[in-house]
Amino acid sequence: MHRLFLYTLIILFLGGCKSNEKVHKPYVEFNAANKAQMSYFLPKNVIHIKVLVVREQQFKGPYADYAGEYLGIDEQIVKYDDVNYKIADAKIKLLAYPDPAEQYFIHIDSKQPVNINLTEAGILAGLNIKDVQNIQNPDLTNYLPPEAKFVFTDLSVKPIVDITEEVSYEYKKIDSALVRVPVEKEVTEVKTFQEMAWAAAKFIATLRENRFLLLAGISETDQIPEDVTGRTEELNLLEESYLELFTGHTQRDTLIYNFVYEPEPGMAEDAKEVLFYFSEANGITQKTEGMENDKLYGLGAPVFLRLTPEILPEQQDKARLELLQAKGIVYRIGARARAELQINDKKLADGFFPVAQWGKYSFLPSNLLYDTSRQVVFDIKTGQLLNISEK
């Protein structure tokens, strides 16, 4: 009987916690090149940072200069058009993808079925399991709508332009006599902003009076309905619309930014990466050629992602691994790190996350590939062994 062999030689160069020696990927040696093969991947981990930014746009009202004189409002007046940004929320999540540097092949023997289970992406999921879950990574598309435009339209409740007809007289010579003849002429007069502001202020006062009479039940010009809620809501909306002519209009929306950071494989060490720059005036600005260069342009405060190793697997002995001829399924025992998102001295988000690239390699005996009585489950996000049990 032919047996299935997966020969794995793990070569790790260790030289202390901060070693500069490269860590070589385990490779697989095959007995024969003409046999059927089945491949699988181990996953790699990526840190996903999602940032929500609230954009507030302010538009100055056309009658802002008369708010204090006609309405007695001196505070909370938009003095000029402006845009402000604020970080509303930030979240750190773990993503997993097939690691192209960690692909392994299994020789398939025609006399022995292979009971390995993979995800749709080819990541090792287990042995003899029925339901294989797939990694559902979120959409990383940014949502960055352009700045909105706002136009004040209801500038007055009365015509802005007055057109009147004036009659003047001219003398015309008819049959050697001078005759006084009337001449009609249209005169167009455009109201000033001050006149329109006064008309709008009077209309606001009228709205408030009508609402009071309606709520008090003493309206003389209108039949009072049993339920005045709908009517008062309409009056409130109309008043708010005309008040904005004096106080200004404020509009808010939320921008969504996505950033990813992939830890380098090999020896784990502290990492501090500038993801972007932020300021209340400009919002999020992507980094350019370097931090020193960005400071010159005043892009804002740098926002850092700090990744610190917290739990690392026991270091493997290089000499012993070189002598070991591993047979079976290669998997990884992941490391664990703390991720922090910071701006200045403020922490925006943090959490603990596994990092498969910083883990160590191990393997299962190859006879488990043929043993249908046992079920083996791997973590499809980290490649770590989760469970071995009887079916």
Protein backbone atom coordinates (compact mmCIF):
# COMPACT_ATOMS: atom_id res chain seq x y z
CA MET A 1 0.00 0.00 0.00
CA HIS A 2 1.26 3.39 -0.97
CA ARG A 3 1.19 5.94 1.75
CA LEU A 4 0.85 9.71 1.48
CA PHE A 5 3.88 11.65 2.65
CA LEU A 6 4.22 15.39 3.16
CA TYR A 7 7.88 16.09 3.94
CA THR A 8 8.39 19.41 5.64
CA LEU A 9 11.72 20.92 6.59
CA ILE A 10 11.39 24.06 8.71
CA ILE A 11 14.39 26.34 8.65
CA LEU A 12 14.34 29.33 11.01
CA PHE A 13 17.37 31.47 11.68
CA LEU A 14 17.21 32.67 15.26
CA GLY A 15 19.58 35.20 16.63
CA GLY A 16 17.82 36.79 19.56
CA CYS A 17 14.70 38.94 19.74
CA LYS A 18 16.02 41.59 17.34
CA SER A 19 17.95 39.30 14.96
CA ASN A 20 18.59 40.56 11.45
CA GLU A 21 18.76 37.02 10.01
CA LYS A 22 15.99 36.16 7.55
CA VAL A 23 13.43 33.52 8.40
CA HIS A 24 13.09 31.08 5.54
CA LYS A 25 9.75 29.63 4.58
CA PRO A 26 9.32 25.87 5.07
CA TYR A 27 9.38 24.05 1.79
CA VAL A 28 7.97 20.69 0.67
CA GLU A 29 9.94 17.98 -1.06
CA PHE A 30 8.04 15.53 -3.27
CA ASN A 31 8.90 11.85 -3.87
CA ALA A 32 7.73 12.04 -7.43
CA ALA A 33 6.77 14.90 -9.70
CA ASN A 34 4.26 12.99 -11.80
CA LYS A 35 1.72 12.33 -9.05
CA ALA A 36 -1.52 14.20 -8.61
CA GLN A 37 -1.25 17.06 -6.16
CA MET A 38 -3.62 19.03 -3.97
CA SER A 39 -2.51 22.40 -2.62
CA TYR A 40 -3.57 24.51 0.34
CA PHE A 41 -2.58 27.85 1.81
CA LEU A 42 -1.96 29.08 5.29
CA PRO A 43 -3.53 32.46 6.02
CA LYS A 44 -1.76 35.74 6.62
CA ASN A 45 -3.20 38.50 8.80
CA VAL A 46 -3.75 42.14 7.94
CA ILE A 47 -4.81 44.88 10.38
CA HIS A 48 -7.80 46.84 9.08
CA ILE A 49 -8.44 50.34 10.40
CA LYS A 50 -11.82 51.94 9.64
CA VAL A 51 -12.15 55.64 10.43
CA LEU A 52 -15.41 57.62 10.44
CA VAL A 53 -15.06 61.38 9.99
CA VAL A 54 -17.96 63.80 10.40
CA ARG A 55 -17.79 66.69 7.96
CA GLU A 56 -19.67 69.83 8.97
CA GLN A 57 -20.30 72.44 6.30
CA GLN A 58 -21.55 75.88 7.29
CA PHE A 59 -23.16 78.33 4.88
CA LYS A 60 -23.59 81.98 5.79
CA GLY A 61 -27.15 83.28 5.51
CA PRO A 62 -27.78 86.24 3.19
CA TYR A 63 -29.26 88.27 6.09
CA ALA A 64 -26.65 87.35 8.71
CA ASP A 65 -25.65 91.01 9.13
CA TYR A 66 -29.17 91.91 10.26
CA ALA A 67 -29.79 89.02 12.68
CA GLY A 68 -28.99 91.06 15.77
CA GLU A 69 -30.88 94.19 14.67
CA TYR A 70 -34.10 92.56 13.43
CA LEU A 71 -34.31 89.33 15.47
CA GLY A 72 -32.12 90.04 18.50
CA ILE A 73 -29.89 87.02 17.73
CA ASP A 74 -26.22 87.65 18.39
CA GLU A 75 -24.86 84.13 19.03
CA GLN A 76 -24.64 80.98 16.93
CA ILE A 77 -24.61 82.97 13.73
CA VAL A 78 -22.61 81.58 10.82
CA LYS A 79 -20.29 84.44 9.94
CA TYR A 80 -18.72 82.88 6.84
CA ASP A 81 -18.78 79.72 4.76
CA ASP A 82 -16.61 77.08 6.39
CA VAL A 83 -15.88 73.33 6.54
CA ASN A 84 -14.81 71.45 9.68
CA TYR A 85 -13.89 67.83 10.29
CA LYS A 86 -14.00 65.62 13.38
CA ILE A 87 -13.00 61.99 13.91
CA ALA A 88 -16.22 60.40 15.16
CA ASP A 89 -15.09 56.78 15.51
CA ALA A 90 -12.26 54.39 14.69
CA LYS A 91 -12.27 50.60 14.72
CA ILE A 92 -9.51 48.03 14.36
CA LYS A 93 -10.33 44.62 12.93
CA LEU A 94 -8.44 41.57 11.73
CA LEU A 95 -8.48 40.47 8.10
CA ALA A 96 -7.16 37.21 6.68
CA TYR A 97 -6.05 36.31 3.17
CA PRO A 98 -4.34 33.29 1.60
CA ASP A 99 -0.59 33.71 2.01
CA PRO A 100 1.05 33.09 -1.39
CA ALA A 101 4.37 32.44 0.39
CA GLU A 102 2.78 29.65 2.43
CA GLN A 103 1.45 27.22 -0.17
CA TYR A 104 1.79 23.47 0.37
CA PHE A 105 1.13 20.45 -1.83
CA ILE A 106 -0.17 17.00 -0.95
CA HIS A 107 0.42 13.98 -3.14
CA ILE A 108 -2.86 12.22 -3.82
CA ASP A 109 -2.76 8.42 -3.74
CA SER A 110 -5.45 6.78 -5.87
CA LYS A 111 -5.92 4.05 -3.24
CA GLN A 112 -6.45 6.46 -0.34
CA PRO A 113 -9.03 9.26 -0.18
CA VAL A 114 -7.85 12.64 1.07
CA ASN A 115 -10.14 14.00 3.80
CA ILE A 116 -8.82 17.56 3.82
CA ASN A 117 -11.22 20.54 3.83
CA LEU A 118 -10.39 23.95 2.34
CA THR A 119 -12.18 27.28 2.09
CA GLU A 120 -13.18 28.77 -1.27
CA ALA A 121 -9.88 30.65 -1.26
CA GLY A 122 -7.91 27.46 -0.65
CA ILE A 123 -7.07 28.08 3.03
CA LEU A 124 -6.67 25.02 5.24
CA ALA A 125 -9.92 24.56 7.23
CA GLY A 126 -9.78 21.05 8.66
CA LEU A 127 -10.10 17.32 8.17
CA ASN A 128 -13.42 15.43 7.98
CA ILE A 129 -15.55 18.48 8.76
CA LYS A 130 -18.96 18.94 7.17
CA ASP A 131 -19.56 22.68 7.09
CA VAL A 132 -16.62 24.77 5.95
CA GLN A 133 -16.91 28.48 6.68
CA ASN A 134 -15.39 31.07 4.40
CA ILE A 135 -13.59 34.26 5.32
CA GLN A 136 -15.83 37.28 4.85
CA ASN A 137 -13.61 40.33 4.58
CA PRO A 138 -15.41 43.72 4.51
CA ASP A 139 -15.54 46.06 1.57
CA LEU A 140 -12.52 48.37 1.79
CA THR A 141 -13.88 51.03 -0.56
CA ASN A 142 -13.76 54.52 0.91
CA TYR A 143 -16.94 56.61 0.99
CA LEU A 144 -15.86 60.17 0.19
CA PRO A 145 -18.71 62.19 -1.36
CA PRO A 146 -17.77 65.66 -2.61
CA GLU A 147 -18.59 68.73 -0.58
CA ALA A 148 -22.26 69.66 -0.76
CA LYS A 149 -23.59 72.87 -2.24
CA PHE A 150 -26.41 74.83 -0.65
CA VAL A 151 -28.38 77.77 -2.05
CA PHE A 152 -30.78 79.93 -0.06
CA THR A 153 -33.88 80.26 -2.24
CA ASP A 154 -36.76 81.65 -0.12
CA LEU A 155 -35.27 85.10 0.29
CA SER A 156 -38.55 86.93 0.76
CA VAL A 157 -42.29 86.36 1.08
CA LYS A 158 -42.92 89.36 -1.17
CA PRO A 159 -41.65 90.13 -4.66
CA ILE A 160 -38.05 91.19 -4.69
CA VAL A 161 -38.65 93.42 -7.70
CA ASP A 162 -41.41 96.07 -7.81
CA ILE A 163 -42.60 97.03 -11.27
CA THR A 164 -44.80 100.14 -11.50
CA GLU A 165 -46.11 102.24 -14.36
CA GLU A 166 -45.41 105.94 -14.36
CA VAL A 167 -47.06 108.50 -16.60
CA SER A 168 -45.04 111.42 -17.89
CA TYR A 169 -45.90 114.09 -20.43
CA GLU A 170 -44.14 115.19 -23.52
CA TYR A 171 -44.88 118.02 -25.90
CA LYS A 172 -45.26 117.12 -29.54
CA LYS A 173 -45.79 119.44 -32.45
CA ILE A 174 -48.99 118.64 -34.27
CA ASP A 175 -50.10 120.91 -37.14
CA SER A 176 -47.77 123.68 -36.04
CA ALA A 177 -49.10 123.45 -32.50
CA LEU A 178 -47.49 122.05 -29.38
CA VAL A 179 -49.63 119.38 -27.76
CA ARG A 180 -49.00 117.87 -24.28
CA VAL A 181 -49.11 114.07 -24.75
CA PRO A 182 -49.06 111.49 -21.86
CA VAL A 183 -46.35 108.78 -22.06
CA GLU A 184 -46.57 105.57 -19.98
CA LYS A 185 -43.32 104.04 -18.71
CA GLU A 186 -42.55 100.94 -16.62
CA VAL A 187 -40.25 101.53 -13.65
CA THR A 188 -38.40 98.58 -12.10
CA GLU A 189 -37.20 98.86 -8.51
CA VAL A 190 -35.12 96.10 -6.90
CA LYS A 191 -35.35 95.88 -3.12
CA THR A 192 -32.18 96.06 -1.11
CA PHE A 193 -31.00 93.18 1.08
CA GLN A 194 -31.89 95.25 4.12
CA GLU A 195 -35.49 95.64 2.91
CA MET A 196 -35.74 91.93 2.15
CA ALA A 197 -34.26 91.06 5.56
CA TRP A 198 -36.85 93.26 7.27
CA ALA A 199 -39.67 91.57 5.32
CA ALA A 200 -38.34 88.11 6.29
CA ALA A 201 -38.08 89.14 9.95
CA LYS A 202 -41.69 90.40 9.92
CA PHE A 203 -42.81 87.12 8.35
CA ILE A 204 -41.07 85.14 11.12
CA ALA A 205 -42.93 87.22 13.70
CA THR A 206 -46.19 86.53 11.87
CA LEU A 207 -45.50 82.78 11.88
CA ARG A 208 -44.88 82.81 15.61
CA GLU A 209 -48.05 84.76 16.27
CA ASN A 210 -50.14 82.40 14.13
CA ARG A 211 -48.67 79.38 15.91
CA PHE A 212 -49.49 80.87 19.31
CA LEU A 213 -53.08 81.64 18.29
CA LEU A 214 -53.46 78.15 16.87
CA LEU A 215 -52.18 76.46 20.03
CA ALA A 216 -54.22 78.78 22.25
CA GLY A 217 -57.37 78.06 20.27
CA ILE A 218 -58.17 81.71 19.64
CA SER A 219 -57.40 81.96 15.94
CA GLU A 220 -59.94 84.23 14.26
CA THR A 221 -58.98 83.71 10.64
CA ASP A 222 -58.75 79.95 10.45
CA GLN A 223 -60.83 77.05 11.58
CA ILE A 224 -58.96 75.38 14.40
CA PRO A 225 -58.58 71.59 13.83
CA GLU A 226 -58.94 69.13 16.66
CA ASP A 227 -55.35 67.96 16.16
CA VAL A 228 -53.01 70.91 15.64
CA THR A 229 -49.78 68.84 15.63
CA GLY A 230 -49.47 68.64 11.87
CA ARG A 231 -50.20 72.33 11.43
CA THR A 232 -47.69 73.44 14.05
CA GLU A 233 -45.01 71.18 12.59
CA GLU A 234 -45.48 72.88 9.22
CA LEU A 235 -45.19 76.29 10.86
CA ASN A 236 -42.04 75.16 12.70
CA LEU A 237 -40.40 73.98 9.47
CA LEU A 238 -41.31 77.19 7.70
CA GLU A 239 -39.95 79.29 10.55
CA GLU A 240 -36.73 77.26 10.61
CA SER A 241 -36.28 77.80 6.88
CA TYR A 242 -36.60 81.57 7.23
CA LEU A 243 -34.46 81.71 10.37
CA GLU A 244 -31.60 80.13 8.41
CA LEU A 245 -31.58 83.23 6.22
CA PHE A 246 -30.23 85.00 9.33
CA THR A 247 -28.46 82.27 11.32
CA GLY A 248 -27.05 80.28 8.39
CA HIS A 249 -27.34 76.66 7.34
CA THR A 250 -25.31 73.75 8.74
CA GLN A 251 -25.02 70.42 6.93
CA ARG A 252 -23.28 67.27 8.19
CA ASP A 253 -22.31 64.00 6.56
CA THR A 254 -19.99 61.11 7.41
CA LEU A 255 -16.89 60.11 5.45
CA ILE A 256 -15.54 56.56 5.66
CA TYR A 257 -11.83 55.82 5.28
CA ASN A 258 -10.18 52.39 5.21
CA PHE A 259 -6.50 51.67 5.92
CA VAL A 260 -4.65 48.37 6.10
CA TYR A 261 -1.35 47.41 7.65
CA GLU A 262 0.30 44.05 6.99
CA PRO A 263 2.89 42.93 9.59
CA GLU A 264 6.10 41.71 8.03
CA PRO A 265 6.76 37.97 8.43
CA GLY A 266 9.65 36.78 10.53
CA MET A 267 10.82 37.99 13.89
CA ALA A 268 8.18 39.97 15.76
CA GLU A 269 9.13 43.47 16.87
CA ASP A 270 7.47 46.76 17.73
CA ALA A 271 6.10 48.62 14.73
CA LYS A 272 4.92 52.23 14.49
CA GLU A 273 3.42 53.33 11.21
CA VAL A 274 1.97 56.69 10.18
CA LEU A 275 -1.34 55.91 8.45
CA PHE A 276 -2.51 59.45 7.67
CA TYR A 277 -2.59 63.06 8.89
CA PHE A 278 -5.61 64.79 10.39
CA SER A 279 -6.66 68.39 11.01
CA GLU A 280 -10.02 69.96 11.75
CA ALA A 281 -9.63 72.28 8.78
CA ASN A 282 -8.59 69.72 6.13
CA GLY A 283 -9.77 66.40 7.55
CA ILE A 284 -7.76 63.30 6.60
CA THR A 285 -4.78 63.77 4.31
CA GLN A 286 -2.87 60.81 2.94
CA LYS A 287 0.83 60.67 3.74
CA THR A 288 3.28 61.44 0.96
CA GLU A 289 7.03 60.91 0.72
CA GLY A 290 7.80 60.98 4.40
CA MET A 291 6.91 62.42 7.77
CA GLU A 292 9.52 65.19 7.66
CA ASN A 293 8.35 66.23 4.21
CA ASP A 294 4.70 66.21 5.33
CA LYS A 295 5.45 68.48 8.30
CA LEU A 296 6.63 71.15 5.90
CA TYR A 297 3.22 71.27 4.24
CA GLY A 298 1.24 71.40 7.51
CA LEU A 299 -0.92 68.39 6.71
CA GLY A 300 -2.00 68.06 10.34
CA ALA A 301 -1.26 65.78 13.26
CA PRO A 302 0.08 62.32 12.34
CA VAL A 303 -2.13 59.36 13.22
CA PHE A 304 -0.05 56.31 14.17
CA LEU A 305 -0.74 52.61 14.27
CA ARG A 306 1.41 50.98 16.92
CA LEU A 307 1.72 47.18 16.84
CA THR A 308 3.39 45.57 19.86
CA PRO A 309 4.03 41.81 20.28
CA GLU A 310 2.36 40.53 23.46
CA ILE A 311 2.36 36.72 23.28
CA LEU A 312 4.88 34.87 21.12
CA PRO A 313 5.14 31.10 20.61
CA GLU A 314 8.13 29.37 22.11
CA GLN A 315 11.20 29.88 19.98
CA GLN A 316 12.11 26.88 17.82
CA ASP A 317 15.58 25.39 17.94
CA LYS A 318 17.21 25.71 14.53
CA ALA A 319 19.54 22.70 14.79
CA ARG A 320 16.78 20.33 15.89
CA LEU A 321 14.42 21.50 13.14
CA GLU A 322 17.06 20.95 10.48
CA LEU A 323 17.31 17.30 11.53
CA LEU A 324 13.53 16.81 11.74
CA GLN A 325 11.78 15.20 8.79
CA ALA A 326 8.20 16.29 9.42
CA LYS A 327 5.44 14.24 7.81
CA GLY A 328 1.91 15.56 7.66
CA ILE A 329 -0.14 18.73 7.51
CA VAL A 330 1.84 21.91 8.17
CA TYR A 331 0.05 24.55 10.23
CA ARG A 332 1.03 27.55 12.31
CA ILE A 333 0.80 28.53 15.95
CA GLY A 334 0.08 32.25 15.76
CA ALA A 335 1.43 35.09 17.85
CA ARG A 336 -0.62 37.79 19.54
CA ALA A 337 -0.09 41.54 19.37
CA ARG A 338 -1.62 44.74 20.69
CA ALA A 339 -2.72 47.30 18.11
CA GLU A 340 -3.25 50.96 19.06
CA LEU A 341 -4.39 53.87 16.90
CA GLN A 342 -3.16 57.19 18.30
CA ILE A 343 -3.21 60.90 17.47
CA ASN A 344 -0.96 63.05 19.63
CA ASP A 345 -1.49 61.60 23.12
CA LYS A 346 -5.06 60.46 22.47
CA LYS A 347 -5.94 56.81 21.83
CA LEU A 348 -8.57 56.41 19.12
CA ALA A 349 -8.87 52.61 19.19
CA ASP A 350 -7.02 49.54 20.45
CA GLY A 351 -7.29 45.78 20.78
CA PHE A 352 -5.46 42.45 20.82
CA PHE A 353 -5.16 40.51 17.59
CA PRO A 354 -3.45 37.33 16.37
CA VAL A 355 -0.65 37.65 13.84
CA ALA A 356 -0.06 34.46 11.86
CA GLN A 357 3.15 35.77 10.26
CA TRP A 358 4.82 36.01 13.68
CA GLY A 359 3.94 32.46 14.70
CA LYS A 360 5.86 29.21 14.47
CA TYR A 361 5.28 26.14 12.31
CA SER A 362 4.09 22.72 13.40
CA PHE A 363 2.59 19.65 11.73
CA LEU A 364 0.08 16.83 12.17
CA PRO A 365 0.84 13.15 11.44
CA SER A 366 -0.05 12.22 7.89
CA ASN A 367 -2.18 9.23 8.99
CA LEU A 368 -4.87 11.68 10.11
CA LEU A 369 -5.55 12.29 6.41
CA TYR A 370 -6.92 8.75 6.18
CA ASP A 371 -8.60 8.52 9.58
CA THR A 372 -12.27 9.24 9.03
CA SER A 373 -13.12 8.71 12.70
CA ARG A 374 -11.45 11.94 13.80
CA GLN A 375 -12.34 15.52 13.05
CA VAL A 376 -9.67 18.23 12.94
CA VAL A 377 -10.53 21.93 12.86
CA PHE A 378 -8.16 24.77 11.98
CA ASP A 379 -8.73 28.50 12.43
CA ILE A 380 -9.11 29.77 8.87
CA LYS A 381 -8.04 33.29 9.97
CA THR A 382 -4.77 32.33 11.68
CA GLY A 383 -3.98 28.78 10.51
CA GLN A 384 -3.86 27.55 14.10
CA LEU A 385 -5.09 24.12 15.23
CA LEU A 386 -8.37 24.51 17.16
CA ASN A 387 -9.72 21.04 17.80
CA ILE A 388 -9.15 17.30 17.35
CA SER A 389 -12.11 15.14 18.30
CA GLU A 390 -13.94 11.90 17.57
CA LYS A 391 -16.70 12.26 15.01
